[in-house]
Amino acid sequence: MRLGDLRRAAEAQGSRLVRLHSLASGIVFRMAPFELELSRQPRQATFRFARFGILTTPVDVDAIMAGYDLARATLDTAFDPHQFFDDVRRAYAEIARADGDRVELNEILPYVARRRGTRYRAKTRRLQFAYDMMRLVAARGLSQDGRRLNLGVATGTTAYDKSRVIFFENAYGDGEYKLTVFFTPVQRR
């Protein structure tokens, strides 16, 4: 497979293939909003978001582009930023004592899942939540109805326990590990 062919195919679908870095096992690219790793052994292409593997394809332009479409279709479900914010806010209200209380992501996600429905299956719940948060940020929807949705940074040893944290990223792959969710009042300007 030639990288130029993959680059042109990505651009034809409205994305860009940007080389991020090389590993001993292969090369890592950004194919927004996903990370794409082309591995040498085994020879495969892996799509990731928020450090979660989504799917793997053969290293072939057509297979990779079909995988890209499938990854987008899997995560790009109908999204209303106001409804998502409200679902998270209501889930938070069920378990937090007051605004400002920090609730761990693992604790709130089942409550969010109950409100969000089948897209938030247990197996992909953390991945879908991270993707929906990226969309909420892109829609400038973190502050609504006098409240702001905040994510608390995972620091120290909590960042090492990947079962407790989620890597929240933007479409360019920049981000950090978060541990908690909390809401704070917003002053109207």
N, C-alpha and C. Protein backbone atom coordinates (compact mmCIF):
# COMPACT_ATOMS: atom_id res chain seq x y z
N MET A 1 0.85 -1.18 0.00
CA MET A 1 0.00 0.00 0.00
C MET A 1 0.89 1.24 0.00
N ARG A 2 0.48 2.21 -0.78
CA ARG A 2 1.22 3.47 -0.86
C ARG A 2 0.50 4.52 -0.01
N LEU A 3 1.27 5.22 0.82
CA LEU A 3 0.68 6.23 1.71
C LEU A 3 0.04 7.37 0.93
N GLY A 4 0.58 7.70 -0.22
CA GLY A 4 -0.01 8.75 -1.05
C GLY A 4 -1.43 8.39 -1.48
N ASP A 5 -1.66 7.11 -1.78
CA ASP A 5 -3.00 6.66 -2.16
C ASP A 5 -3.96 6.78 -0.98
N LEU A 6 -3.48 6.42 0.20
CA LEU A 6 -4.31 6.53 1.41
C LEU A 6 -4.60 7.99 1.72
N ARG A 7 -3.60 8.84 1.57
CA ARG A 7 -3.77 10.27 1.83
C ARG A 7 -4.84 10.85 0.89
N ARG A 8 -4.78 10.51 -0.38
CA ARG A 8 -5.78 11.01 -1.35
C ARG A 8 -7.18 10.46 -1.03
N ALA A 9 -7.26 9.21 -0.65
CA ALA A 9 -8.56 8.62 -0.31
C ALA A 9 -9.16 9.30 0.93
N ALA A 10 -8.32 9.60 1.92
CA ALA A 10 -8.80 10.29 3.13
C ALA A 10 -9.31 11.68 2.77
N GLU A 11 -8.57 12.39 1.96
CA GLU A 11 -8.98 13.74 1.56
C GLU A 11 -10.28 13.71 0.76
N ALA A 12 -10.46 12.67 -0.06
CA ALA A 12 -11.70 12.54 -0.84
C ALA A 12 -12.91 12.35 0.07
N GLN A 13 -12.68 11.84 1.30
CA GLN A 13 -13.78 11.64 2.24
C GLN A 13 -13.85 12.75 3.29
N GLY A 14 -13.09 13.83 3.07
CA GLY A 14 -13.17 14.98 3.96
C GLY A 14 -12.27 14.90 5.18
N SER A 15 -11.32 14.00 5.20
CA SER A 15 -10.38 13.90 6.32
C SER A 15 -8.98 14.15 5.79
N ARG A 16 -8.04 14.16 6.70
CA ARG A 16 -6.63 14.29 6.33
C ARG A 16 -5.84 13.21 7.04
N LEU A 17 -4.82 12.71 6.40
CA LEU A 17 -3.93 11.73 7.00
C LEU A 17 -2.68 12.48 7.43
N VAL A 18 -2.46 12.59 8.74
CA VAL A 18 -1.33 13.34 9.28
C VAL A 18 -0.46 12.38 10.09
N ARG A 19 0.80 12.30 9.72
CA ARG A 19 1.72 11.42 10.44
C ARG A 19 2.02 12.01 11.81
N LEU A 20 1.83 11.20 12.86
CA LEU A 20 2.10 11.66 14.22
C LEU A 20 3.48 11.23 14.69
N HIS A 21 3.75 9.93 14.61
CA HIS A 21 5.05 9.42 15.04
C HIS A 21 5.25 7.98 14.59
N SER A 22 6.46 7.53 14.73
CA SER A 22 6.80 6.14 14.40
C SER A 22 7.01 5.35 15.68
N LEU A 23 6.64 4.10 15.61
CA LEU A 23 6.88 3.15 16.68
C LEU A 23 7.72 2.02 16.12
N ALA A 24 8.28 1.22 16.99
CA ALA A 24 9.02 0.05 16.52
C ALA A 24 8.09 -0.87 15.73
N SER A 25 6.81 -0.87 16.11
CA SER A 25 5.84 -1.77 15.48
C SER A 25 5.18 -1.19 14.24
N GLY A 26 5.32 0.13 14.00
CA GLY A 26 4.65 0.72 12.84
C GLY A 26 4.64 2.23 12.89
N ILE A 27 3.67 2.82 12.19
CA ILE A 27 3.54 4.27 12.09
C ILE A 27 2.15 4.67 12.58
N VAL A 28 2.08 5.79 13.31
CA VAL A 28 0.81 6.28 13.83
C VAL A 28 0.44 7.58 13.11
N PHE A 29 -0.80 7.63 12.65
CA PHE A 29 -1.33 8.79 11.94
C PHE A 29 -2.57 9.31 12.66
N ARG A 30 -2.95 10.52 12.31
CA ARG A 30 -4.25 11.06 12.71
C ARG A 30 -5.09 11.10 11.45
N MET A 31 -6.24 10.51 11.52
CA MET A 31 -7.23 10.57 10.45
C MET A 31 -8.50 11.02 11.16
N ALA A 32 -8.57 12.33 11.37
CA ALA A 32 -9.55 12.93 12.26
C ALA A 32 -10.94 12.35 12.06
N PRO A 33 -11.58 12.02 13.16
CA PRO A 33 -11.15 12.24 14.54
C PRO A 33 -10.41 11.06 15.16
N PHE A 34 -9.92 10.14 14.37
CA PHE A 34 -9.32 8.91 14.90
C PHE A 34 -7.81 8.89 14.80
N GLU A 35 -7.23 8.07 15.65
CA GLU A 35 -5.83 7.70 15.50
C GLU A 35 -5.81 6.43 14.67
N LEU A 36 -4.87 6.33 13.76
CA LEU A 36 -4.74 5.17 12.89
C LEU A 36 -3.31 4.65 12.99
N GLU A 37 -3.16 3.43 13.45
CA GLU A 37 -1.83 2.83 13.53
C GLU A 37 -1.70 1.76 12.45
N LEU A 38 -0.69 1.91 11.63
CA LEU A 38 -0.37 0.91 10.62
C LEU A 38 0.77 0.06 11.17
N SER A 39 0.47 -1.17 11.54
CA SER A 39 1.44 -2.06 12.16
C SER A 39 2.15 -2.90 11.12
N ARG A 40 3.42 -3.19 11.40
CA ARG A 40 4.19 -4.04 10.50
C ARG A 40 3.94 -5.52 10.78
N GLN A 41 3.91 -5.90 12.05
CA GLN A 41 3.70 -7.30 12.44
C GLN A 41 2.70 -7.36 13.57
N PRO A 42 1.54 -7.86 13.46
CA PRO A 42 0.98 -8.31 12.19
C PRO A 42 0.65 -7.10 11.32
N ARG A 43 0.59 -7.31 10.05
CA ARG A 43 0.32 -6.23 9.09
C ARG A 43 -1.17 -5.90 9.15
N GLN A 44 -1.49 -4.84 9.93
CA GLN A 44 -2.88 -4.44 10.11
C GLN A 44 -2.98 -2.95 10.41
N ALA A 45 -4.18 -2.41 10.22
CA ALA A 45 -4.48 -1.02 10.52
C ALA A 45 -5.49 -1.00 11.66
N THR A 46 -5.19 -0.23 12.71
CA THR A 46 -6.06 -0.16 13.88
C THR A 46 -6.54 1.26 14.09
N PHE A 47 -7.86 1.43 14.18
CA PHE A 47 -8.45 2.73 14.48
C PHE A 47 -8.67 2.83 15.98
N ARG A 48 -8.34 4.00 16.55
CA ARG A 48 -8.56 4.25 17.98
C ARG A 48 -9.17 5.63 18.18
N PHE A 49 -9.89 5.75 19.28
CA PHE A 49 -10.34 7.06 19.76
C PHE A 49 -10.30 7.00 21.27
N ALA A 50 -9.81 8.06 21.89
CA ALA A 50 -9.71 8.13 23.35
C ALA A 50 -8.91 6.95 23.90
N ARG A 51 -7.95 6.51 23.12
CA ARG A 51 -7.06 5.39 23.46
C ARG A 51 -7.76 4.04 23.47
N PHE A 52 -9.00 3.99 23.02
CA PHE A 52 -9.75 2.73 22.91
C PHE A 52 -9.66 2.24 21.47
N GLY A 53 -9.36 0.96 21.29
CA GLY A 53 -9.38 0.38 19.96
C GLY A 53 -10.82 0.26 19.48
N ILE A 54 -11.06 0.66 18.24
CA ILE A 54 -12.40 0.60 17.67
C ILE A 54 -12.52 -0.59 16.73
N LEU A 55 -11.59 -0.67 15.78
CA LEU A 55 -11.62 -1.79 14.84
C LEU A 55 -10.27 -1.92 14.15
N THR A 56 -10.06 -3.08 13.56
CA THR A 56 -8.82 -3.39 12.86
C THR A 56 -9.16 -3.85 11.45
N THR A 57 -8.35 -3.41 10.48
CA THR A 57 -8.55 -3.81 9.09
C THR A 57 -7.21 -4.27 8.50
N PRO A 58 -7.26 -4.91 7.33
CA PRO A 58 -6.01 -5.18 6.61
C PRO A 58 -5.38 -3.86 6.15
N VAL A 59 -4.08 -3.87 5.90
CA VAL A 59 -3.40 -2.67 5.41
C VAL A 59 -3.61 -2.59 3.90
N ASP A 60 -4.73 -1.98 3.56
CA ASP A 60 -5.16 -1.82 2.18
C ASP A 60 -6.03 -0.57 2.14
N VAL A 61 -5.83 0.27 1.14
CA VAL A 61 -6.54 1.55 1.08
C VAL A 61 -8.05 1.36 1.18
N ASP A 62 -8.61 0.46 0.38
CA ASP A 62 -10.06 0.27 0.40
C ASP A 62 -10.55 -0.24 1.75
N ALA A 63 -9.81 -1.17 2.34
CA ALA A 63 -10.20 -1.73 3.65
C ALA A 63 -10.10 -0.66 4.74
N ILE A 64 -9.05 0.15 4.70
CA ILE A 64 -8.89 1.21 5.70
C ILE A 64 -9.99 2.24 5.56
N MET A 65 -10.33 2.63 4.34
CA MET A 65 -11.39 3.62 4.16
C MET A 65 -12.75 3.05 4.56
N ALA A 66 -12.98 1.78 4.30
CA ALA A 66 -14.22 1.14 4.76
C ALA A 66 -14.25 1.10 6.29
N GLY A 67 -13.09 0.84 6.90
CA GLY A 67 -13.00 0.86 8.36
C GLY A 67 -13.25 2.24 8.94
N TYR A 68 -12.74 3.26 8.25
CA TYR A 68 -12.97 4.64 8.67
C TYR A 68 -14.47 4.95 8.65
N ASP A 69 -15.12 4.58 7.56
CA ASP A 69 -16.57 4.80 7.45
C ASP A 69 -17.33 4.06 8.54
N LEU A 70 -16.93 2.82 8.82
CA LEU A 70 -17.60 2.04 9.86
C LEU A 70 -17.38 2.63 11.24
N ALA A 71 -16.17 3.08 11.52
CA ALA A 71 -15.88 3.71 12.82
C ALA A 71 -16.72 4.97 12.99
N ARG A 72 -16.81 5.78 11.94
CA ARG A 72 -17.64 6.99 12.00
C ARG A 72 -19.10 6.63 12.21
N ALA A 73 -19.58 5.65 11.46
CA ALA A 73 -20.99 5.26 11.57
C ALA A 73 -21.30 4.71 12.96
N THR A 74 -20.34 4.03 13.56
CA THR A 74 -20.53 3.45 14.89
C THR A 74 -20.68 4.54 15.95
N LEU A 75 -19.85 5.57 15.86
CA LEU A 75 -19.83 6.61 16.90
C LEU A 75 -20.65 7.85 16.55
N ASP A 76 -20.80 8.15 15.28
CA ASP A 76 -21.51 9.36 14.86
C ASP A 76 -23.01 9.14 14.82
N THR A 77 -23.56 8.77 15.94
CA THR A 77 -25.00 8.60 16.04
C THR A 77 -25.64 9.99 16.14
N ALA A 78 -26.95 10.07 16.04
CA ALA A 78 -27.63 11.35 16.18
C ALA A 78 -27.20 11.98 17.51
N PHE A 79 -26.92 13.27 17.47
CA PHE A 79 -26.40 13.94 18.66
C PHE A 79 -27.01 15.32 18.79
N ASP A 80 -27.62 15.55 19.92
CA ASP A 80 -28.16 16.86 20.28
C ASP A 80 -27.38 17.31 21.52
N PRO A 81 -26.55 18.35 21.40
CA PRO A 81 -25.73 18.77 22.54
C PRO A 81 -26.55 19.14 23.78
N HIS A 82 -27.72 19.71 23.58
CA HIS A 82 -28.56 20.10 24.72
C HIS A 82 -29.10 18.86 25.43
N GLN A 83 -29.51 17.86 24.65
CA GLN A 83 -30.03 16.63 25.25
C GLN A 83 -28.92 15.87 25.97
N PHE A 84 -27.74 15.81 25.36
CA PHE A 84 -26.62 15.12 26.01
C PHE A 84 -26.26 15.79 27.33
N PHE A 85 -26.14 17.11 27.32
CA PHE A 85 -25.84 17.86 28.54
C PHE A 85 -26.90 17.56 29.61
N ASP A 86 -28.17 17.61 29.20
CA ASP A 86 -29.26 17.35 30.14
C ASP A 86 -29.21 15.92 30.69
N ASP A 87 -28.88 14.96 29.84
CA ASP A 87 -28.78 13.57 30.30
C ASP A 87 -27.66 13.41 31.34
N VAL A 88 -26.53 14.04 31.09
CA VAL A 88 -25.42 13.96 32.05
C VAL A 88 -25.79 14.70 33.33
N ARG A 89 -26.42 15.85 33.19
CA ARG A 89 -26.83 16.64 34.36
C ARG A 89 -27.83 15.86 35.24
N ARG A 90 -28.79 15.22 34.63
CA ARG A 90 -29.77 14.45 35.39
C ARG A 90 -29.14 13.22 36.04
N ALA A 91 -28.23 12.57 35.32
CA ALA A 91 -27.53 11.42 35.90
C ALA A 91 -26.70 11.88 37.10
N TYR A 92 -26.04 13.00 36.97
CA TYR A 92 -25.25 13.58 38.06
C TYR A 92 -26.14 13.90 39.27
N ALA A 93 -27.30 14.47 39.01
CA ALA A 93 -28.21 14.85 40.09
C ALA A 93 -28.70 13.63 40.88
N GLU A 94 -28.74 12.47 40.24
CA GLU A 94 -29.17 11.25 40.93
C GLU A 94 -28.17 10.78 41.98
N ILE A 95 -26.90 11.09 41.80
CA ILE A 95 -25.89 10.54 42.72
C ILE A 95 -25.08 11.58 43.48
N ALA A 96 -25.01 12.81 43.00
CA ALA A 96 -24.25 13.84 43.71
C ALA A 96 -25.12 14.49 44.78
N ARG A 97 -24.49 14.88 45.87
CA ARG A 97 -25.23 15.56 46.94
C ARG A 97 -25.54 17.01 46.58
N ALA A 98 -24.59 17.66 45.86
CA ALA A 98 -24.76 19.07 45.50
C ALA A 98 -23.86 19.39 44.31
N ASP A 99 -24.17 20.49 43.61
CA ASP A 99 -23.26 20.93 42.55
C ASP A 99 -21.87 21.11 43.14
N GLY A 100 -20.89 20.71 42.38
CA GLY A 100 -19.50 20.81 42.84
C GLY A 100 -18.96 19.50 43.36
N ASP A 101 -19.85 18.59 43.81
CA ASP A 101 -19.38 17.27 44.26
C ASP A 101 -18.79 16.53 43.07
N ARG A 102 -17.64 15.96 43.28
CA ARG A 102 -16.99 15.20 42.20
C ARG A 102 -17.46 13.76 42.24
N VAL A 103 -17.92 13.29 41.09
CA VAL A 103 -18.42 11.93 40.96
C VAL A 103 -17.52 11.22 39.96
N GLU A 104 -17.02 10.05 40.32
CA GLU A 104 -16.13 9.33 39.41
C GLU A 104 -16.89 8.90 38.16
N LEU A 105 -16.18 8.93 37.04
CA LEU A 105 -16.78 8.55 35.76
C LEU A 105 -17.41 7.17 35.81
N ASN A 106 -16.72 6.22 36.43
CA ASN A 106 -17.27 4.86 36.51
C ASN A 106 -18.58 4.81 37.28
N GLU A 107 -18.75 5.74 38.20
CA GLU A 107 -19.98 5.77 38.99
C GLU A 107 -21.14 6.40 38.21
N ILE A 108 -20.86 7.42 37.41
CA ILE A 108 -21.94 8.12 36.71
C ILE A 108 -22.31 7.46 35.38
N LEU A 109 -21.38 6.78 34.74
CA LEU A 109 -21.66 6.24 33.40
C LEU A 109 -22.86 5.30 33.33
N PRO A 110 -23.09 4.42 34.30
CA PRO A 110 -24.32 3.61 34.21
C PRO A 110 -25.60 4.45 34.23
N TYR A 111 -25.58 5.55 34.97
CA TYR A 111 -26.75 6.44 35.03
C TYR A 111 -26.93 7.17 33.69
N VAL A 112 -25.82 7.60 33.10
CA VAL A 112 -25.88 8.25 31.79
C VAL A 112 -26.38 7.25 30.76
N ALA A 113 -25.87 6.03 30.83
CA ALA A 113 -26.26 4.98 29.88
C ALA A 113 -27.76 4.71 29.92
N ARG A 114 -28.32 4.72 31.10
CA ARG A 114 -29.76 4.48 31.23
C ARG A 114 -30.55 5.56 30.49
N ARG A 115 -30.03 6.78 30.49
CA ARG A 115 -30.71 7.88 29.80
C ARG A 115 -30.42 7.90 28.30
N ARG A 116 -29.24 7.45 27.92
CA ARG A 116 -28.83 7.53 26.51
C ARG A 116 -29.29 6.33 25.68
N GLY A 117 -29.63 5.22 26.32
CA GLY A 117 -30.17 4.09 25.58
C GLY A 117 -29.13 3.14 25.04
N THR A 118 -29.49 2.46 23.97
CA THR A 118 -28.71 1.33 23.46
C THR A 118 -27.33 1.73 22.94
N ARG A 119 -27.11 2.98 22.56
CA ARG A 119 -25.78 3.38 22.09
C ARG A 119 -24.74 3.25 23.19
N TYR A 120 -25.18 3.28 24.42
CA TYR A 120 -24.27 3.23 25.56
C TYR A 120 -24.21 1.83 26.14
N ARG A 121 -24.01 0.84 25.26
CA ARG A 121 -23.83 -0.53 25.72
C ARG A 121 -22.63 -0.60 26.64
N ALA A 122 -22.64 -1.53 27.57
CA ALA A 122 -21.57 -1.63 28.57
C ALA A 122 -20.19 -1.74 27.92
N LYS A 123 -20.08 -2.47 26.83
CA LYS A 123 -18.79 -2.72 26.20
C LYS A 123 -18.16 -1.45 25.61
N THR A 124 -18.98 -0.54 25.09
CA THR A 124 -18.46 0.66 24.42
C THR A 124 -18.86 1.96 25.11
N ARG A 125 -19.40 1.86 26.30
CA ARG A 125 -19.92 3.03 27.02
C ARG A 125 -18.87 4.13 27.20
N ARG A 126 -17.68 3.77 27.63
CA ARG A 126 -16.63 4.75 27.90
C ARG A 126 -16.17 5.43 26.60
N LEU A 127 -16.04 4.65 25.54
CA LEU A 127 -15.66 5.19 24.24
C LEU A 127 -16.72 6.16 23.73
N GLN A 128 -17.99 5.77 23.78
CA GLN A 128 -19.06 6.63 23.28
C GLN A 128 -19.18 7.91 24.10
N PHE A 129 -19.00 7.81 25.42
CA PHE A 129 -19.06 9.00 26.27
C PHE A 129 -17.94 9.97 25.90
N ALA A 130 -16.73 9.47 25.69
CA ALA A 130 -15.61 10.34 25.30
C ALA A 130 -15.90 11.01 23.95
N TYR A 131 -16.45 10.25 23.02
CA TYR A 131 -16.75 10.79 21.70
C TYR A 131 -17.85 11.86 21.80
N ASP A 132 -18.88 11.58 22.59
CA ASP A 132 -19.96 12.56 22.76
C ASP A 132 -19.46 13.81 23.48
N MET A 133 -18.53 13.66 24.41
CA MET A 133 -17.96 14.84 25.06
C MET A 133 -17.17 15.68 24.06
N MET A 134 -16.45 15.04 23.14
CA MET A 134 -15.74 15.79 22.10
C MET A 134 -16.75 16.60 21.28
N ARG A 135 -17.89 15.97 20.96
CA ARG A 135 -18.91 16.67 20.18
C ARG A 135 -19.56 17.80 21.00
N LEU A 136 -19.74 17.59 22.29
CA LEU A 136 -20.30 18.64 23.14
C LEU A 136 -19.36 19.84 23.19
N VAL A 137 -18.07 19.59 23.35
CA VAL A 137 -17.09 20.68 23.36
C VAL A 137 -17.09 21.40 22.02
N ALA A 138 -17.10 20.66 20.93
CA ALA A 138 -17.11 21.27 19.59
C ALA A 138 -18.36 22.13 19.38
N ALA A 139 -19.47 21.74 20.00
CA ALA A 139 -20.73 22.50 19.90
C ALA A 139 -20.78 23.64 20.90
N ARG A 140 -19.70 23.81 21.68
CA ARG A 140 -19.62 24.85 22.73
C ARG A 140 -20.77 24.71 23.72
N GLY A 141 -21.01 23.45 24.11
CA GLY A 141 -22.15 23.17 24.96
C GLY A 141 -21.83 22.80 26.39
N LEU A 142 -20.63 23.11 26.86
CA LEU A 142 -20.28 22.75 28.24
C LEU A 142 -21.04 23.58 29.27
N SER A 143 -21.48 24.76 28.90
CA SER A 143 -22.25 25.62 29.81
C SER A 143 -23.65 25.82 29.24
N GLN A 144 -24.64 25.41 30.03
CA GLN A 144 -26.03 25.54 29.62
C GLN A 144 -26.90 25.74 30.86
N ASP A 145 -27.95 26.50 30.71
CA ASP A 145 -28.94 26.67 31.77
C ASP A 145 -28.33 27.04 33.12
N GLY A 146 -27.30 27.89 33.08
CA GLY A 146 -26.68 28.36 34.32
C GLY A 146 -25.75 27.35 34.99
N ARG A 147 -25.42 26.27 34.33
CA ARG A 147 -24.53 25.25 34.88
C ARG A 147 -23.43 24.94 33.89
N ARG A 148 -22.26 24.57 34.42
CA ARG A 148 -21.14 24.14 33.58
C ARG A 148 -20.77 22.71 33.93
N LEU A 149 -20.60 21.90 32.90
CA LEU A 149 -20.14 20.52 33.03
C LEU A 149 -18.62 20.53 33.02
N ASN A 150 -18.03 19.96 34.07
CA ASN A 150 -16.58 19.92 34.22
C ASN A 150 -16.11 18.48 34.34
N LEU A 151 -14.91 18.24 33.88
CA LEU A 151 -14.26 16.94 34.05
C LEU A 151 -13.00 17.17 34.86
N GLY A 152 -12.85 16.40 35.94
CA GLY A 152 -11.69 16.53 36.80
C GLY A 152 -10.53 15.70 36.28
N VAL A 153 -9.35 16.32 36.24
CA VAL A 153 -8.14 15.68 35.72
C VAL A 153 -7.69 14.56 36.64
N ALA A 154 -7.28 13.47 36.03
CA ALA A 154 -6.69 12.35 36.79
C ALA A 154 -5.22 12.68 37.00
N THR A 155 -4.80 12.69 38.25
CA THR A 155 -3.41 13.02 38.56
C THR A 155 -2.77 11.88 39.33
N GLY A 156 -1.46 11.88 39.34
CA GLY A 156 -0.72 10.90 40.13
C GLY A 156 -1.08 9.47 39.78
N THR A 157 -1.29 8.67 40.81
CA THR A 157 -1.53 7.24 40.60
C THR A 157 -2.89 6.96 39.96
N THR A 158 -3.86 7.88 40.09
CA THR A 158 -5.17 7.61 39.47
C THR A 158 -5.06 7.56 37.95
N ALA A 159 -4.13 8.30 37.37
CA ALA A 159 -3.97 8.29 35.92
C ALA A 159 -3.45 6.94 35.42
N TYR A 160 -2.81 6.17 36.27
CA TYR A 160 -2.28 4.87 35.87
C TYR A 160 -3.33 3.78 35.85
N ASP A 161 -4.40 3.96 36.62
CA ASP A 161 -5.45 2.94 36.68
C ASP A 161 -6.46 3.24 35.57
N LYS A 162 -6.22 2.66 34.39
CA LYS A 162 -7.04 2.96 33.20
C LYS A 162 -8.49 2.52 33.34
N SER A 163 -8.79 1.67 34.32
CA SER A 163 -10.18 1.26 34.52
C SER A 163 -11.00 2.37 35.20
N ARG A 164 -10.33 3.36 35.78
CA ARG A 164 -11.02 4.44 36.47
C ARG A 164 -11.06 5.74 35.68
N VAL A 165 -10.25 5.85 34.65
CA VAL A 165 -10.12 7.12 33.93
C VAL A 165 -10.46 6.93 32.45
N ILE A 166 -10.72 8.06 31.79
CA ILE A 166 -10.96 8.06 30.34
C ILE A 166 -10.09 9.17 29.76
N PHE A 167 -9.47 8.89 28.62
CA PHE A 167 -8.70 9.91 27.91
C PHE A 167 -9.67 10.68 27.03
N PHE A 168 -9.87 11.95 27.35
CA PHE A 168 -10.76 12.80 26.57
C PHE A 168 -9.92 13.59 25.59
N GLU A 169 -10.28 13.50 24.31
CA GLU A 169 -9.49 14.16 23.28
C GLU A 169 -10.39 14.95 22.35
N ASN A 170 -9.74 15.84 21.59
CA ASN A 170 -10.47 16.56 20.55
C ASN A 170 -10.22 15.86 19.22
N ALA A 171 -10.71 16.42 18.15
CA ALA A 171 -10.58 15.78 16.83
C ALA A 171 -9.13 15.68 16.39
N TYR A 172 -8.24 16.41 17.02
CA TYR A 172 -6.83 16.41 16.64
C TYR A 172 -5.98 15.49 17.53
N GLY A 173 -6.62 14.85 18.51
CA GLY A 173 -5.91 13.92 19.36
C GLY A 173 -5.33 14.51 20.63
N ASP A 174 -5.46 15.82 20.82
CA ASP A 174 -4.98 16.45 22.04
C ASP A 174 -5.96 16.16 23.17
N GLY A 175 -5.45 15.90 24.36
CA GLY A 175 -6.35 15.63 25.47
C GLY A 175 -5.60 15.22 26.71
N GLU A 176 -6.38 14.73 27.69
CA GLU A 176 -5.79 14.27 28.95
C GLU A 176 -6.75 13.30 29.63
N TYR A 177 -6.21 12.56 30.58
CA TYR A 177 -7.02 11.61 31.33
C TYR A 177 -7.86 12.35 32.36
N LYS A 178 -9.12 11.97 32.45
CA LYS A 178 -10.05 12.56 33.41
C LYS A 178 -10.59 11.46 34.32
N LEU A 179 -10.91 11.84 35.54
CA LEU A 179 -11.38 10.89 36.56
C LEU A 179 -12.80 11.17 37.02
N THR A 180 -13.18 12.45 37.09
CA THR A 180 -14.46 12.80 37.69
C THR A 180 -15.28 13.74 36.80
N VAL A 181 -16.56 13.82 37.16
CA VAL A 181 -17.51 14.75 36.55
C VAL A 181 -18.06 15.60 37.67
N PHE A 182 -18.22 16.90 37.43
CA PHE A 182 -18.91 17.75 38.40
C PHE A 182 -19.50 18.96 37.68
N PHE A 183 -20.52 19.53 38.28
CA PHE A 183 -21.18 20.70 37.73
C PHE A 183 -20.96 21.88 38.67
N THR A 184 -20.82 23.06 38.09
CA THR A 184 -20.68 24.28 38.86
C THR A 184 -21.62 25.33 38.29
N PRO A 185 -22.05 26.28 39.12
CA PRO A 185 -22.90 27.37 38.61
C PRO A 185 -22.08 28.27 37.69
N VAL A 186 -22.76 28.86 36.71
CA VAL A 186 -22.10 29.79 35.78
C VAL A 186 -22.71 31.15 35.98
N GLN A 187 -21.85 32.15 36.10
CA GLN A 187 -22.33 33.53 36.22
C GLN A 187 -22.74 34.01 34.83
N ARG A 188 -23.92 34.53 34.72
CA ARG A 188 -24.37 35.08 33.43
C ARG A 188 -23.72 36.43 33.22
N ARG A 189 -23.31 36.69 31.97
CA ARG A 189 -22.63 37.96 31.66
C ARG A 189 -23.58 38.92 31.02
